Amino acid sequence: MKRRSLPVAAALAASAALLLTACGGGDDKSSDNDKIAGADQGSATPSETAESSAAPAEDKPDGVDLSLPKDMNLVFDWDKPNDKDEAAAMDDAANYLRAIYRGVDKRTTKDAALAAYATGDGVHYAETQINEWIKGGWTGTGTRRHYDATTRSAPNGNSVEVAFCADTGKFYGKEVKTGKVLKSEPSLKDFNYYKIIMTKYPTGEDLWQASKVFVETEAKKCQ
């Protein structure tokens, strides 16, 4: 989908755990709750089958770089919903994850991509994850697969819950200084279930931002 460019303020604003903990709390225990978390929350102004890690140029706002190194592959193996807003929210949930791992690669929480695709608790969550990688002296390498995605719109139309599984069994930490890849034995810890609340950007741009993140770790339903 073709997008208008982001406002300058959004593009320039300041924007290990493998995304295992939920922002502001523990594992999500409300998967059967029909109410979408954060559905009544407004968005703050930002301070197909498998897709590759870098979003196609026509799928991202002008001036926001989502590129990742060749050895850091984020695969989104899911079908887009028919609803236009839910499809856009799903696209930008993927872009939010790309922005996080771009921050891991660039060793910064101030990249413009994070400012574009996150707001509120979504920013805090992303910064926490990126900083854990930086503190550990790691970057990432390998393939993260995201699949079994579902979407639910809030009654007010301003929020969409994007839920999905993630398999990190082939995604590893890599020491920045030495290049050593830190592999581990396959286990239930490789499977996690995410709920990301995507909130519509308030000024009419075709953009959705992650405002809350909930993660169920060691998710058997994702095996």
N, C-alpha and C. Protein backbone atom coordinates (compact mmCIF):
# COMPACT_ATOMS: atom_id res chain seq x y z
N MET A 1 0.85 -1.18 0.00
CA MET A 1 0.00 0.00 0.00
C MET A 1 0.88 1.23 0.00
N LYS A 2 0.49 2.23 -0.74
CA LYS A 2 1.26 3.47 -0.83
C LYS A 2 0.93 4.35 0.35
N ARG A 3 1.95 4.92 0.98
CA ARG A 3 1.73 5.74 2.15
C ARG A 3 2.24 7.13 1.96
N ARG A 4 1.59 8.05 2.62
CA ARG A 4 2.11 9.41 2.66
C ARG A 4 3.29 9.44 3.60
N SER A 5 4.17 10.42 3.39
CA SER A 5 5.34 10.51 4.24
C SER A 5 4.94 10.95 5.64
N LEU A 6 5.75 10.55 6.62
CA LEU A 6 5.49 10.93 8.01
C LEU A 6 5.72 12.41 8.22
N PRO A 7 5.00 13.02 9.17
CA PRO A 7 5.33 14.38 9.56
C PRO A 7 6.78 14.44 10.03
N VAL A 8 7.42 15.58 9.82
CA VAL A 8 8.84 15.72 10.18
C VAL A 8 9.05 15.43 11.65
N ALA A 9 8.13 15.89 12.50
CA ALA A 9 8.29 15.66 13.95
C ALA A 9 8.32 14.19 14.28
N ALA A 10 7.52 13.39 13.56
CA ALA A 10 7.49 11.95 13.83
C ALA A 10 8.78 11.30 13.37
N ALA A 11 9.27 11.73 12.20
CA ALA A 11 10.46 11.09 11.65
C ALA A 11 11.70 11.41 12.46
N LEU A 12 11.73 12.55 13.11
CA LEU A 12 12.93 12.98 13.82
C LEU A 12 12.87 12.77 15.32
N ALA A 13 11.70 12.37 15.86
CA ALA A 13 11.56 12.25 17.31
C ALA A 13 12.39 11.09 17.83
N ALA A 14 12.85 11.23 19.11
CA ALA A 14 13.57 10.13 19.73
C ALA A 14 12.63 8.95 19.92
N SER A 15 12.93 8.21 19.42
CA SER A 15 12.05 7.07 19.41
C SER A 15 12.22 6.04 20.64
N ALA A 16 20.34 -11.81 26.87
CA ALA A 16 19.35 -11.06 26.46
C ALA A 16 18.09 -11.73 26.37
N ALA A 17 16.95 -10.34 26.42
CA ALA A 17 15.64 -10.97 26.28
C ALA A 17 15.28 -10.94 24.82
N LEU A 18 14.74 -12.04 24.26
CA LEU A 18 14.29 -12.05 22.88
C LEU A 18 12.82 -11.66 22.86
N LEU A 19 12.50 -10.43 23.31
CA LEU A 19 11.13 -9.96 23.39
C LEU A 19 10.29 -10.93 24.20
N LEU A 20 10.72 -11.23 25.42
CA LEU A 20 10.05 -12.25 26.20
C LEU A 20 9.11 -11.71 27.27
N THR A 21 9.31 -10.48 27.71
CA THR A 21 8.51 -9.99 28.81
C THR A 21 7.57 -8.91 28.37
N ALA A 22 6.40 -8.87 28.99
CA ALA A 22 5.41 -7.87 28.62
C ALA A 22 5.72 -6.54 29.28
N CYS A 23 5.45 -5.46 28.56
CA CYS A 23 5.70 -4.13 29.10
C CYS A 23 4.79 -3.87 30.28
N GLY A 24 5.38 -3.54 31.43
CA GLY A 24 4.59 -3.17 32.59
C GLY A 24 3.96 -4.33 33.31
N GLY A 25 4.33 -5.57 33.00
CA GLY A 25 3.73 -6.69 33.71
C GLY A 25 4.34 -7.99 33.30
N GLY A 26 3.74 -9.10 33.76
CA GLY A 26 4.25 -10.42 33.46
C GLY A 26 3.57 -10.98 32.23
N ASP A 27 3.52 -12.31 32.16
CA ASP A 27 2.92 -12.96 31.01
C ASP A 27 1.46 -12.59 30.89
N ASP A 28 0.98 -12.53 29.67
CA ASP A 28 -0.43 -12.19 29.43
C ASP A 28 -1.29 -13.38 29.79
N LYS A 29 -2.27 -13.19 30.65
CA LYS A 29 -3.15 -14.26 31.08
C LYS A 29 -4.59 -14.02 30.63
N SER A 30 -4.81 -13.08 29.70
CA SER A 30 -6.17 -12.70 29.36
C SER A 30 -6.52 -13.01 27.91
N SER A 31 -5.97 -14.13 27.40
CA SER A 31 -6.18 -14.44 25.99
C SER A 31 -7.63 -14.74 25.67
N ASP A 32 -8.44 -15.12 26.66
CA ASP A 32 -9.83 -15.42 26.41
C ASP A 32 -10.74 -14.24 26.67
N ASN A 33 -10.16 -13.12 27.02
CA ASN A 33 -10.96 -11.93 27.30
C ASN A 33 -11.32 -11.25 26.00
N ASP A 34 -12.62 -11.01 25.78
CA ASP A 34 -13.06 -10.44 24.52
C ASP A 34 -12.74 -8.96 24.40
N LYS A 35 -12.45 -8.29 25.52
CA LYS A 35 -12.14 -6.87 25.47
C LYS A 35 -10.68 -6.68 25.06
N ILE A 36 -10.46 -5.81 24.11
CA ILE A 36 -9.09 -5.55 23.65
C ILE A 36 -8.41 -4.60 24.62
N ALA A 37 -7.27 -5.01 25.15
CA ALA A 37 -6.53 -4.16 26.07
C ALA A 37 -6.13 -2.88 25.38
N GLY A 38 -6.36 -1.74 26.04
CA GLY A 38 -5.96 -0.47 25.48
C GLY A 38 -6.86 0.04 24.39
N ALA A 39 -8.03 -0.59 24.21
CA ALA A 39 -8.90 -0.21 23.09
C ALA A 39 -9.42 1.21 23.20
N ASP A 40 -9.56 1.72 24.42
CA ASP A 40 -10.09 3.06 24.60
C ASP A 40 -8.99 4.11 24.65
N GLN A 41 -7.77 3.68 24.46
CA GLN A 41 -6.63 4.58 24.59
C GLN A 41 -6.34 5.27 23.27
N GLY A 42 -6.20 6.57 23.29
CA GLY A 42 -5.83 7.30 22.08
C GLY A 42 -4.34 7.21 21.84
N SER A 43 -3.93 7.54 20.63
CA SER A 43 -2.52 7.48 20.29
C SER A 43 -1.85 8.82 20.56
N ALA A 44 -0.71 8.77 21.20
CA ALA A 44 0.04 10.01 21.46
C ALA A 44 0.86 10.37 20.23
N THR A 45 1.09 11.62 20.02
CA THR A 45 1.95 12.05 18.92
C THR A 45 3.33 11.47 19.12
N PRO A 46 3.93 10.87 18.12
CA PRO A 46 5.20 10.16 18.33
C PRO A 46 6.32 11.10 18.58
N SER A 47 7.16 11.17 19.70
CA SER A 47 8.25 12.06 20.12
C SER A 47 9.05 12.15 18.95
N GLU A 48 0.10 -12.42 2.65
CA GLU A 48 0.58 -12.78 1.91
C GLU A 48 1.29 -13.94 2.43
N THR A 49 1.61 -14.34 2.83
CA THR A 49 2.60 -15.38 3.07
C THR A 49 3.88 -14.71 3.55
N ALA A 50 4.97 -15.48 3.54
CA ALA A 50 6.16 -15.01 4.21
C ALA A 50 6.72 -13.74 3.57
N GLU A 51 7.13 -12.80 4.41
CA GLU A 51 7.79 -11.58 3.95
C GLU A 51 9.20 -11.58 4.48
N SER A 52 10.11 -10.93 3.80
CA SER A 52 11.49 -10.83 4.27
C SER A 52 11.60 -9.76 5.34
N SER A 53 12.79 -9.63 5.93
CA SER A 53 12.96 -8.74 7.07
C SER A 53 12.77 -7.28 6.72
N ALA A 54 13.11 -6.87 5.53
CA ALA A 54 12.96 -5.47 5.16
C ALA A 54 11.64 -5.27 4.42
N ALA A 55 10.84 -4.30 4.88
CA ALA A 55 9.56 -4.06 4.25
C ALA A 55 9.77 -3.49 2.85
N PRO A 56 8.89 -3.86 1.89
CA PRO A 56 8.99 -3.25 0.56
C PRO A 56 8.88 -1.74 0.66
N ALA A 57 9.52 -1.03 -0.26
CA ALA A 57 9.57 0.42 -0.18
C ALA A 57 8.19 1.04 -0.17
N GLU A 58 7.21 0.44 -0.92
CA GLU A 58 5.90 1.04 -0.98
C GLU A 58 5.09 0.80 0.29
N ASP A 59 5.60 -0.04 1.20
CA ASP A 59 4.87 -0.38 2.41
C ASP A 59 5.34 0.41 3.62
N LYS A 60 6.24 1.32 3.45
CA LYS A 60 6.72 2.07 4.60
C LYS A 60 6.72 3.56 4.28
N PRO A 61 6.55 4.40 5.30
CA PRO A 61 6.56 5.84 5.06
C PRO A 61 7.89 6.29 4.49
N ASP A 62 7.86 7.30 3.64
CA ASP A 62 9.08 7.84 3.06
C ASP A 62 10.02 8.31 4.17
N GLY A 63 11.29 8.02 4.02
CA GLY A 63 12.27 8.52 4.97
C GLY A 63 12.49 7.65 6.18
N VAL A 64 11.75 6.55 6.35
CA VAL A 64 11.94 5.67 7.50
C VAL A 64 12.61 4.38 7.02
N ASP A 65 13.82 4.16 7.45
CA ASP A 65 14.61 3.01 7.03
C ASP A 65 14.34 1.83 7.96
N LEU A 66 13.86 0.73 7.40
CA LEU A 66 13.58 -0.47 8.18
C LEU A 66 14.53 -1.61 7.82
N SER A 67 15.58 -1.30 7.10
CA SER A 67 16.48 -2.36 6.64
C SER A 67 17.22 -3.01 7.79
N LEU A 68 17.47 -4.31 7.64
CA LEU A 68 18.20 -5.11 8.62
C LEU A 68 19.36 -5.80 7.92
N PRO A 69 20.38 -6.22 8.66
CA PRO A 69 21.50 -6.93 8.03
C PRO A 69 21.02 -8.26 7.45
N LYS A 70 21.75 -8.78 6.49
CA LYS A 70 21.33 -9.98 5.77
C LYS A 70 21.20 -11.19 6.67
N ASP A 71 21.96 -11.23 7.77
CA ASP A 71 21.90 -12.40 8.64
C ASP A 71 20.85 -12.27 9.73
N MET A 72 20.05 -11.21 9.71
CA MET A 72 18.97 -11.01 10.69
C MET A 72 17.66 -11.01 9.90
N ASN A 73 16.99 -12.15 9.93
CA ASN A 73 15.83 -12.36 9.06
C ASN A 73 14.55 -12.50 9.89
N LEU A 74 13.63 -11.57 9.72
CA LEU A 74 12.33 -11.64 10.36
C LEU A 74 11.31 -12.06 9.31
N VAL A 75 10.70 -13.22 9.50
CA VAL A 75 9.74 -13.77 8.55
C VAL A 75 8.34 -13.65 9.13
N PHE A 76 7.41 -13.12 8.35
CA PHE A 76 6.02 -12.96 8.78
C PHE A 76 5.16 -13.86 7.89
N ASP A 77 4.94 -15.06 8.37
CA ASP A 77 4.27 -16.10 7.61
C ASP A 77 2.78 -16.09 7.97
N TRP A 78 2.10 -15.06 7.50
CA TRP A 78 0.69 -14.94 7.85
C TRP A 78 -0.10 -14.32 6.69
N ASP A 79 -1.40 -14.54 6.72
CA ASP A 79 -2.31 -13.99 5.71
C ASP A 79 -2.92 -12.71 6.24
N LYS A 80 -2.99 -11.71 5.38
CA LYS A 80 -3.55 -10.43 5.80
C LYS A 80 -5.08 -10.51 5.83
N PRO A 81 -5.70 -9.84 6.78
CA PRO A 81 -7.17 -9.82 6.85
C PRO A 81 -7.75 -8.97 5.72
N ASN A 82 -9.02 -9.17 5.45
CA ASN A 82 -9.70 -8.40 4.41
C ASN A 82 -9.94 -6.96 4.80
N ASP A 83 -10.16 -6.73 6.10
CA ASP A 83 -10.42 -5.38 6.57
C ASP A 83 -9.18 -4.50 6.35
N LYS A 84 -9.37 -3.35 5.72
CA LYS A 84 -8.26 -2.47 5.35
C LYS A 84 -7.48 -2.00 6.57
N ASP A 85 -8.18 -1.55 7.61
CA ASP A 85 -7.50 -1.06 8.80
C ASP A 85 -6.75 -2.18 9.52
N GLU A 86 -7.37 -3.35 9.62
CA GLU A 86 -6.71 -4.47 10.28
C GLU A 86 -5.48 -4.91 9.50
N ALA A 87 -5.57 -4.88 8.17
CA ALA A 87 -4.41 -5.23 7.34
C ALA A 87 -3.27 -4.23 7.54
N ALA A 88 -3.61 -2.93 7.61
CA ALA A 88 -2.59 -1.91 7.83
C ALA A 88 -1.97 -2.04 9.21
N ALA A 89 -2.81 -2.33 10.23
CA ALA A 89 -2.29 -2.51 11.58
C ALA A 89 -1.36 -3.72 11.66
N MET A 90 -1.71 -4.79 10.94
CA MET A 90 -0.86 -5.97 10.92
C MET A 90 0.49 -5.66 10.26
N ASP A 91 0.45 -4.93 9.14
CA ASP A 91 1.69 -4.53 8.48
C ASP A 91 2.59 -3.75 9.43
N ASP A 92 1.99 -2.83 10.17
CA ASP A 92 2.80 -1.97 11.03
C ASP A 92 3.21 -2.65 12.33
N ALA A 93 2.49 -3.70 12.74
CA ALA A 93 2.98 -4.53 13.84
C ALA A 93 4.28 -5.22 13.43
N ALA A 94 4.32 -5.69 12.18
CA ALA A 94 5.57 -6.27 11.66
C ALA A 94 6.66 -5.21 11.58
N ASN A 95 6.29 -4.01 11.16
CA ASN A 95 7.28 -2.93 11.08
C ASN A 95 7.79 -2.54 12.45
N TYR A 96 6.94 -2.63 13.46
CA TYR A 96 7.36 -2.36 14.85
C TYR A 96 8.45 -3.35 15.27
N LEU A 97 8.26 -4.63 14.96
CA LEU A 97 9.29 -5.61 15.29
C LEU A 97 10.57 -5.35 14.50
N ARG A 98 10.42 -4.98 13.24
CA ARG A 98 11.61 -4.62 12.45
C ARG A 98 12.34 -3.45 13.09
N ALA A 99 11.58 -2.47 13.56
CA ALA A 99 12.19 -1.29 14.18
C ALA A 99 12.97 -1.67 15.43
N ILE A 100 12.43 -2.60 16.21
CA ILE A 100 13.13 -3.04 17.42
C ILE A 100 14.46 -3.70 17.05
N TYR A 101 14.42 -4.60 16.09
CA TYR A 101 15.66 -5.31 15.75
C TYR A 101 16.62 -4.44 14.95
N ARG A 102 16.10 -3.43 14.30
CA ARG A 102 17.00 -2.43 13.71
C ARG A 102 17.73 -1.69 14.83
N GLY A 103 17.02 -1.38 15.91
CA GLY A 103 17.66 -0.76 17.06
C GLY A 103 18.71 -1.65 17.69
N VAL A 104 18.42 -2.96 17.75
CA VAL A 104 19.41 -3.92 18.26
C VAL A 104 20.65 -3.89 17.38
N ASP A 105 20.46 -3.91 16.07
CA ASP A 105 21.59 -3.91 15.14
C ASP A 105 22.38 -2.61 15.21
N LYS A 106 21.68 -1.48 15.29
CA LYS A 106 22.34 -0.17 15.29
C LYS A 106 22.80 0.25 16.68
N ARG A 107 22.45 -0.53 17.72
CA ARG A 107 22.85 -0.26 19.10
C ARG A 107 22.29 1.07 19.59
N THR A 108 21.01 1.33 19.31
CA THR A 108 20.41 2.59 19.73
C THR A 108 18.90 2.44 19.90
N THR A 109 18.34 3.22 20.80
CA THR A 109 16.88 3.31 20.96
C THR A 109 16.35 4.58 20.29
N LYS A 110 17.20 5.30 19.58
CA LYS A 110 16.82 6.60 19.03
C LYS A 110 16.61 6.57 17.52
N ASP A 111 16.48 5.40 16.95
CA ASP A 111 16.30 5.32 15.51
C ASP A 111 14.91 5.83 15.11
N ALA A 112 14.81 6.47 13.95
CA ALA A 112 13.55 7.05 13.49
C ALA A 112 12.47 5.99 13.30
N ALA A 113 12.84 4.76 13.00
CA ALA A 113 11.84 3.71 12.78
C ALA A 113 11.05 3.44 14.05
N LEU A 114 11.71 3.45 15.19
CA LEU A 114 11.00 3.22 16.45
C LEU A 114 10.06 4.37 16.76
N ALA A 115 10.48 5.60 16.49
CA ALA A 115 9.61 6.75 16.69
C ALA A 115 8.38 6.67 15.80
N ALA A 116 8.53 6.09 14.62
CA ALA A 116 7.42 6.01 13.68
C ALA A 116 6.39 4.97 14.09
N TYR A 117 6.84 3.81 14.56
CA TYR A 117 5.94 2.68 14.74
C TYR A 117 5.59 2.36 16.19
N ALA A 118 5.95 3.23 17.13
CA ALA A 118 5.64 2.98 18.52
C ALA A 118 5.20 4.25 19.21
N THR A 119 4.36 4.08 20.22
CA THR A 119 3.92 5.20 21.05
C THR A 119 3.65 4.67 22.46
N GLY A 120 3.71 5.54 23.45
CA GLY A 120 3.36 5.15 24.81
C GLY A 120 4.16 3.96 25.32
N ASP A 121 3.44 2.96 25.84
CA ASP A 121 4.09 1.77 26.39
C ASP A 121 4.84 0.98 25.32
N GLY A 122 4.42 1.13 24.07
CA GLY A 122 5.13 0.45 22.99
C GLY A 122 6.56 0.94 22.86
N VAL A 123 6.77 2.23 23.08
CA VAL A 123 8.13 2.79 23.07
C VAL A 123 8.93 2.24 24.24
N HIS A 124 8.32 2.26 25.43
CA HIS A 124 9.02 1.79 26.63
C HIS A 124 9.43 0.33 26.49
N TYR A 125 8.50 -0.49 25.99
CA TYR A 125 8.79 -1.90 25.80
C TYR A 125 9.96 -2.10 24.84
N ALA A 126 9.92 -1.42 23.70
CA ALA A 126 10.97 -1.56 22.71
C ALA A 126 12.32 -1.10 23.27
N GLU A 127 12.33 0.02 23.95
CA GLU A 127 13.59 0.53 24.51
C GLU A 127 14.17 -0.44 25.53
N THR A 128 13.29 -1.05 26.34
CA THR A 128 13.76 -2.03 27.32
C THR A 128 14.42 -3.21 26.65
N GLN A 129 13.78 -3.73 25.59
CA GLN A 129 14.34 -4.87 24.89
C GLN A 129 15.67 -4.53 24.21
N ILE A 130 15.71 -3.41 23.52
CA ILE A 130 16.94 -3.00 22.82
C ILE A 130 18.08 -2.81 23.82
N ASN A 131 17.78 -2.17 24.94
CA ASN A 131 18.82 -1.92 25.95
C ASN A 131 19.36 -3.21 26.55
N GLU A 132 18.53 -4.25 26.67
CA GLU A 132 19.00 -5.54 27.18
C GLU A 132 20.03 -6.15 26.22
N TRP A 133 19.77 -6.06 24.94
CA TRP A 133 20.73 -6.56 23.96
C TRP A 133 22.02 -5.74 24.02
N ILE A 134 21.89 -4.43 24.12
CA ILE A 134 23.08 -3.57 24.17
C ILE A 134 23.90 -3.87 25.41
N LYS A 135 23.24 -3.98 26.57
CA LYS A 135 23.94 -4.27 27.83
C LYS A 135 24.67 -5.60 27.76
N GLY A 136 24.05 -6.59 27.11
CA GLY A 136 24.68 -7.91 27.01
C GLY A 136 25.81 -7.97 26.00
N GLY A 137 25.94 -6.92 25.18
CA GLY A 137 26.98 -6.92 24.15
C GLY A 137 26.62 -7.80 22.96
N TRP A 138 25.29 -8.00 22.73
CA TRP A 138 24.85 -8.89 21.67
C TRP A 138 24.12 -8.14 20.57
N THR A 139 24.15 -8.74 19.40
CA THR A 139 23.19 -8.44 18.35
C THR A 139 22.48 -9.74 18.04
N GLY A 140 21.63 -9.75 17.01
CA GLY A 140 20.90 -10.97 16.69
C GLY A 140 21.31 -11.51 15.33
N THR A 141 21.14 -12.83 15.16
CA THR A 141 21.41 -13.45 13.88
C THR A 141 20.50 -14.66 13.72
N GLY A 142 20.15 -14.97 12.48
CA GLY A 142 19.27 -16.11 12.23
C GLY A 142 17.89 -15.66 11.80
N THR A 143 16.92 -16.54 11.99
CA THR A 143 15.55 -16.31 11.50
C THR A 143 14.55 -16.40 12.65
N ARG A 144 13.75 -15.33 12.78
CA ARG A 144 12.58 -15.32 13.67
C ARG A 144 11.34 -15.49 12.80
N ARG A 145 10.54 -16.51 13.10
CA ARG A 145 9.34 -16.75 12.31
C ARG A 145 8.10 -16.34 13.12
N HIS A 146 7.21 -15.58 12.49
CA HIS A 146 5.97 -15.11 13.10
C HIS A 146 4.81 -15.67 12.30
N TYR A 147 3.81 -16.25 12.97
CA TYR A 147 2.78 -17.01 12.25
C TYR A 147 1.50 -17.08 13.09
N ASP A 148 0.46 -17.67 12.49
CA ASP A 148 -0.85 -17.83 13.14
C ASP A 148 -1.37 -16.50 13.68
N ALA A 149 -1.35 -15.49 12.84
CA ALA A 149 -1.77 -14.16 13.28
C ALA A 149 -3.28 -13.99 13.19
N THR A 150 -3.83 -13.26 14.15
CA THR A 150 -5.25 -12.87 14.15
C THR A 150 -5.34 -11.39 14.47
N THR A 151 -6.45 -10.78 14.07
CA THR A 151 -6.67 -9.36 14.36
C THR A 151 -8.07 -9.15 14.92
N ARG A 152 -8.21 -8.15 15.80
CA ARG A 152 -9.51 -7.75 16.34
C ARG A 152 -9.54 -6.23 16.46
N SER A 153 -10.59 -5.64 15.93
CA SER A 153 -10.72 -4.18 15.99
C SER A 153 -11.52 -3.77 17.22
N ALA A 154 -11.13 -2.66 17.82
CA ALA A 154 -11.91 -2.07 18.90
C ALA A 154 -13.17 -1.43 18.32
N PRO A 155 -14.24 -1.34 19.13
CA PRO A 155 -15.48 -0.74 18.63
C PRO A 155 -15.30 0.68 18.08
N ASN A 156 -14.37 1.44 18.66
CA ASN A 156 -14.19 2.83 18.21
C ASN A 156 -13.36 2.93 16.93
N GLY A 157 -12.81 1.81 16.47
CA GLY A 157 -12.06 1.80 15.22
C GLY A 157 -10.66 2.37 15.32
N ASN A 158 -10.24 2.79 16.50
CA ASN A 158 -8.93 3.43 16.65
C ASN A 158 -7.83 2.47 17.10
N SER A 159 -8.20 1.25 17.48
CA SER A 159 -7.22 0.28 17.95
C SER A 159 -7.49 -1.08 17.31
N VAL A 160 -6.43 -1.80 17.03
CA VAL A 160 -6.50 -3.16 16.52
C VAL A 160 -5.53 -4.02 17.31
N GLU A 161 -6.03 -5.13 17.83
CA GLU A 161 -5.15 -6.10 18.49
C GLU A 161 -4.62 -7.06 17.43
N VAL A 162 -3.30 -7.13 17.33
CA VAL A 162 -2.65 -8.08 16.43
C VAL A 162 -1.98 -9.14 17.29
N ALA A 163 -2.47 -10.37 17.20
CA ALA A 163 -1.95 -11.47 18.02
C ALA A 163 -1.29 -12.50 17.11
N PHE A 164 -0.19 -13.09 17.57
CA PHE A 164 0.52 -14.05 16.73
C PHE A 164 1.52 -14.85 17.55
N CYS A 165 1.96 -15.95 16.97
CA CYS A 165 3.01 -16.77 17.57
C CYS A 165 4.37 -16.38 16.99
N ALA A 166 5.41 -16.65 17.75
CA ALA A 166 6.77 -16.43 17.27
C ALA A 166 7.63 -17.63 17.66
N ASP A 167 8.43 -18.07 16.71
CA ASP A 167 9.38 -19.16 16.91
C ASP A 167 10.78 -18.59 16.78
N THR A 168 11.52 -18.59 17.89
CA THR A 168 12.87 -18.04 17.90
C THR A 168 13.94 -19.13 17.94
N GLY A 169 13.53 -20.36 17.62
CA GLY A 169 14.44 -21.49 17.73
C GLY A 169 15.66 -21.39 16.82
N LYS A 170 15.53 -20.59 15.74
CA LYS A 170 16.66 -20.43 14.82
C LYS A 170 17.16 -18.99 14.81
N PHE A 171 16.86 -18.28 15.89
CA PHE A 171 17.33 -16.90 16.03
C PHE A 171 18.20 -16.83 17.28
N TYR A 172 19.44 -16.36 17.13
CA TYR A 172 20.42 -16.45 18.21
C TYR A 172 21.03 -15.10 18.53
N GLY A 173 21.54 -15.00 19.75
CA GLY A 173 22.36 -13.86 20.10
C GLY A 173 23.75 -14.03 19.49
N LYS A 174 24.37 -12.92 19.16
CA LYS A 174 25.74 -12.96 18.63
C LYS A 174 26.55 -11.87 19.30
N GLU A 175 27.70 -12.24 19.86
CA GLU A 175 28.54 -11.27 20.52
C GLU A 175 29.07 -10.25 19.52
N VAL A 176 28.85 -8.98 19.83
CA VAL A 176 29.26 -7.92 18.90
C VAL A 176 30.78 -7.89 18.75
N LYS A 177 31.49 -8.03 19.83
CA LYS A 177 32.96 -7.91 19.79
C LYS A 177 33.63 -9.08 19.10
N THR A 178 33.13 -10.30 19.35
CA THR A 178 33.82 -11.48 18.84
C THR A 178 33.14 -12.12 17.64
N GLY A 179 31.86 -11.82 17.44
CA GLY A 179 31.12 -12.47 16.37
C GLY A 179 30.65 -13.87 16.72
N LYS A 180 30.89 -14.31 17.96
CA LYS A 180 30.49 -15.65 18.39
C LYS A 180 28.97 -15.76 18.47
N VAL A 181 28.42 -16.80 17.86
CA VAL A 181 26.98 -17.03 17.89
C VAL A 181 26.64 -17.90 19.09
N LEU A 182 25.68 -17.45 19.88
CA LEU A 182 25.32 -18.12 21.13
C LEU A 182 24.11 -19.02 20.91
N LYS A 183 24.35 -20.23 20.45
CA LYS A 183 23.27 -21.17 20.15
C LYS A 183 22.85 -21.92 21.41
N SER A 184 21.60 -22.36 21.40
CA SER A 184 21.07 -23.12 22.52
C SER A 184 20.26 -24.30 22.01
N GLU A 185 19.98 -25.25 22.90
CA GLU A 185 19.20 -26.41 22.52
C GLU A 185 17.73 -26.02 22.33
N PRO A 186 17.04 -26.60 21.35
CA PRO A 186 15.62 -26.30 21.14
C PRO A 186 14.81 -26.64 22.39
N SER A 187 13.84 -25.77 22.71
CA SER A 187 13.00 -26.00 23.88
C SER A 187 11.72 -25.19 23.75
N LEU A 188 10.84 -25.35 24.74
CA LEU A 188 9.58 -24.61 24.76
C LEU A 188 9.83 -23.11 24.86
N LYS A 189 10.99 -22.72 25.36
CA LYS A 189 11.32 -21.29 25.48
C LYS A 189 11.42 -20.60 24.12
N ASP A 190 11.50 -21.40 23.05
CA ASP A 190 11.60 -20.82 21.71
C ASP A 190 10.25 -20.29 21.21
N PHE A 191 9.15 -20.63 21.91
CA PHE A 191 7.82 -20.30 21.42
C PHE A 191 7.13 -19.29 22.33
N ASN A 192 6.69 -18.20 21.73
CA ASN A 192 6.03 -17.14 22.48
C ASN A 192 4.80 -16.64 21.73
N TYR A 193 3.83 -16.16 22.50
CA TYR A 193 2.57 -15.68 21.92
C TYR A 193 2.43 -14.20 22.24
N TYR A 194 2.24 -13.39 21.21
CA TYR A 194 2.22 -11.94 21.34
C TYR A 194 0.83 -11.37 21.11
N LYS A 195 0.53 -10.32 21.84
CA LYS A 195 -0.60 -9.45 21.53
C LYS A 195 -0.06 -8.02 21.52
N ILE A 196 -0.13 -7.39 20.37
CA ILE A 196 0.31 -6.01 20.25
C ILE A 196 -0.90 -5.15 19.91
N ILE A 197 -1.14 -4.14 20.73
CA ILE A 197 -2.23 -3.21 20.49
C ILE A 197 -1.71 -2.10 19.59
N MET A 198 -2.24 -2.07 18.36
CA MET A 198 -1.85 -1.06 17.38
C MET A 198 -2.89 0.06 17.40
N THR A 199 -2.42 1.29 17.54
CA THR A 199 -3.29 2.46 17.64
C THR A 199 -3.10 3.35 16.43
N LYS A 200 -4.20 3.81 15.88
CA LYS A 200 -4.15 4.62 14.67
C LYS A 200 -3.50 5.97 14.95
N TYR A 201 -2.58 6.36 14.06
CA TYR A 201 -1.92 7.65 14.19
C TYR A 201 -2.97 8.76 14.12
N PRO A 202 -2.95 9.73 15.04
CA PRO A 202 -4.10 10.62 15.22
C PRO A 202 -4.34 11.66 14.15
N THR A 203 -3.40 11.90 13.25
CA THR A 203 -3.59 13.00 12.29
C THR A 203 -4.01 12.54 10.91
N GLY A 204 -4.49 11.29 10.80
CA GLY A 204 -5.01 10.84 9.53
C GLY A 204 -4.01 10.16 8.63
N GLU A 205 -2.74 10.08 9.04
CA GLU A 205 -1.76 9.35 8.25
C GLU A 205 -2.14 7.86 8.23
N ASP A 206 -1.77 7.19 7.14
CA ASP A 206 -2.02 5.75 7.03
C ASP A 206 -0.94 5.01 7.82
N LEU A 207 -1.03 5.11 9.14
CA LEU A 207 0.02 4.61 10.01
C LEU A 207 -0.61 4.14 11.32
N TRP A 208 -0.14 2.97 11.79
CA TRP A 208 -0.57 2.41 13.07
C TRP A 208 0.67 2.21 13.93
N GLN A 209 0.53 2.51 15.22
CA GLN A 209 1.67 2.44 16.14
C GLN A 209 1.39 1.47 17.28
N ALA A 210 2.42 0.74 17.69
CA ALA A 210 2.30 -0.17 18.82
C ALA A 210 2.20 0.64 20.10
N SER A 211 1.09 0.50 20.83
CA SER A 211 0.90 1.27 22.07
C SER A 211 1.01 0.39 23.31
N LYS A 212 0.78 -0.91 23.17
CA LYS A 212 0.94 -1.85 24.28
C LYS A 212 1.40 -3.19 23.73
N VAL A 213 2.18 -3.92 24.53
CA VAL A 213 2.69 -5.22 24.13
C VAL A 213 2.49 -6.21 25.28
N PHE A 214 1.89 -7.35 24.98
CA PHE A 214 1.71 -8.42 25.95
C PHE A 214 2.32 -9.69 25.36
N VAL A 215 3.07 -10.43 26.19
CA VAL A 215 3.73 -11.64 25.70
C VAL A 215 3.52 -12.80 26.66
N GLU A 216 3.06 -13.90 26.12
CA GLU A 216 2.98 -15.16 26.87
C GLU A 216 4.20 -15.98 26.49
N THR A 217 5.09 -16.20 27.44
CA THR A 217 6.30 -16.96 27.16
C THR A 217 6.03 -18.46 27.25
N GLU A 218 6.91 -19.25 26.63
CA GLU A 218 6.80 -20.69 26.63
C GLU A 218 5.38 -21.13 26.27
N ALA A 219 4.90 -20.63 25.16
CA ALA A 219 3.51 -20.83 24.74
C ALA A 219 3.37 -22.19 24.02
N LYS A 220 2.76 -23.15 24.69
CA LYS A 220 2.60 -24.48 24.10
C LYS A 220 1.72 -24.43 22.85
N LYS A 221 0.77 -23.49 22.83
CA LYS A 221 -0.14 -23.42 21.68
C LYS A 221 0.59 -22.99 20.40
N CYS A 222 1.82 -22.52 20.53
CA CYS A 222 2.58 -22.09 19.35
C CYS A 222 3.53 -23.17 18.83
N GLN A 223 3.61 -24.29 19.54
CA GLN A 223 4.52 -25.35 19.08
C GLN A 223 3.98 -26.05 17.84
